[in-house]
Protein backbone atom coordinates (compact mmCIF):
# COMPACT_ATOMS: atom_id res chain seq x y z
CA UNK A 1 0.00 0.00 0.00
CA UNK A 2 1.36 3.41 -0.95
CA UNK A 3 0.70 6.69 0.72
CA UNK A 4 2.03 10.05 -0.28
CA UNK A 5 3.88 12.24 2.20
CA UNK A 6 3.49 16.01 2.27
CA UNK A 7 6.63 16.40 0.18
CA UNK A 8 5.05 14.27 -2.57
CA UNK A 9 7.30 11.25 -2.01
CA UNK A 10 5.81 7.77 -1.97
CA UNK A 11 5.96 5.80 1.25
CA UNK A 12 5.11 2.12 1.66
CA UNK A 13 3.06 1.50 4.78
CA UNK A 14 2.36 -2.24 4.47
CA UNK A 15 3.69 -5.03 2.31
CA UNK A 16 2.81 -8.59 1.39
CA UNK A 17 5.19 -11.47 0.85
CA UNK A 18 5.01 -13.27 -2.46
CA UNK A 19 4.69 -16.89 -1.31
CA UNK A 20 6.28 -18.33 -4.42
CA UNK A 21 9.30 -16.03 -4.16
CA UNK A 22 9.61 -16.85 -0.48
CA UNK A 23 9.63 -20.60 -1.21
CA UNK A 24 12.36 -20.13 -3.82
CA UNK A 25 14.49 -18.10 -1.37
CA UNK A 26 13.97 -20.70 1.37
CA UNK A 27 14.97 -23.51 -0.99
CA UNK A 28 18.12 -21.65 -2.06
CA UNK A 29 19.02 -21.09 1.58
CA UNK A 30 18.12 -24.67 2.57
CA UNK A 31 15.91 -23.34 5.37
CA UNK A 32 12.64 -24.75 6.68
CA UNK A 33 9.83 -22.53 7.91
CA UNK A 34 10.36 -23.16 11.62
CA UNK A 35 14.07 -22.33 11.37
CA UNK A 36 13.34 -19.19 9.38
CA UNK A 37 10.90 -17.96 12.02
CA UNK A 38 13.50 -18.45 14.74
CA UNK A 39 16.33 -16.95 12.68
CA UNK A 40 14.26 -13.87 11.82
CA UNK A 41 13.49 -13.26 15.49
CA UNK A 42 9.85 -12.56 14.72
CA UNK A 43 7.05 -13.59 17.05
CA UNK A 44 5.29 -16.66 15.70
CA UNK A 45 2.00 -14.79 15.13
CA UNK A 46 3.72 -12.06 13.09
CA UNK A 47 5.65 -14.61 11.07
CA UNK A 48 2.46 -16.54 10.28
CA UNK A 49 0.69 -13.32 9.23
CA UNK A 50 3.47 -12.67 6.74
CA UNK A 51 3.45 -16.25 5.42
CA UNK A 52 -0.30 -16.27 4.91
CA UNK A 53 -0.21 -13.19 2.70
CA UNK A 54 -1.50 -10.67 5.19
CA UNK A 55 -0.27 -7.08 5.19
CA UNK A 56 2.75 -6.64 7.44
CA UNK A 57 5.14 -3.81 8.20
CA UNK A 58 8.15 -3.37 5.91
CA UNK A 59 10.46 -4.15 8.84
CA UNK A 60 8.84 -7.58 9.18
CA UNK A 61 9.65 -8.50 5.60
CA UNK A 62 13.07 -6.95 6.10
CA UNK A 63 13.78 -9.32 8.98
CA UNK A 64 12.71 -12.33 6.91
CA UNK A 65 14.85 -11.17 3.98
CA UNK A 66 17.84 -10.61 6.26
CA UNK A 67 17.46 -14.08 7.77
CA UNK A 68 17.50 -15.54 4.24
CA UNK A 69 20.33 -13.32 3.05
CA UNK A 70 18.31 -11.86 0.17
CA UNK A 71 17.12 -8.35 -0.72
CA UNK A 72 13.54 -7.50 0.24
CA UNK A 73 12.79 -7.04 -3.47
CA UNK A 74 13.29 -10.79 -3.91
CA UNK A 75 10.35 -11.54 -1.61
CA UNK A 76 7.66 -9.08 -2.67
CA UNK A 77 5.84 -8.07 -5.82
CA UNK A 78 7.07 -4.71 -7.03
CA UNK A 79 5.00 -2.35 -9.14
CA UNK A 80 5.05 -3.68 -12.69
CA UNK A 81 5.79 -7.31 -11.67
């Protein structure tokens, strides 16, 4: 979801994981879901929200991406994808 700040810049308020991209990143990293949740340091409920395609904060997806060693862009759908 995009909002516009007073200066006209775009700001992302919530994001959704692309499940297929997440599965590819997990396979490349040889990580199972339980290990990824622990490695990301996210509470289980937050992690499940992200995995089930719910809107989550950018920092949440950032923690998952960091735990996998991939850029956030590899886990979400960007405009034009």
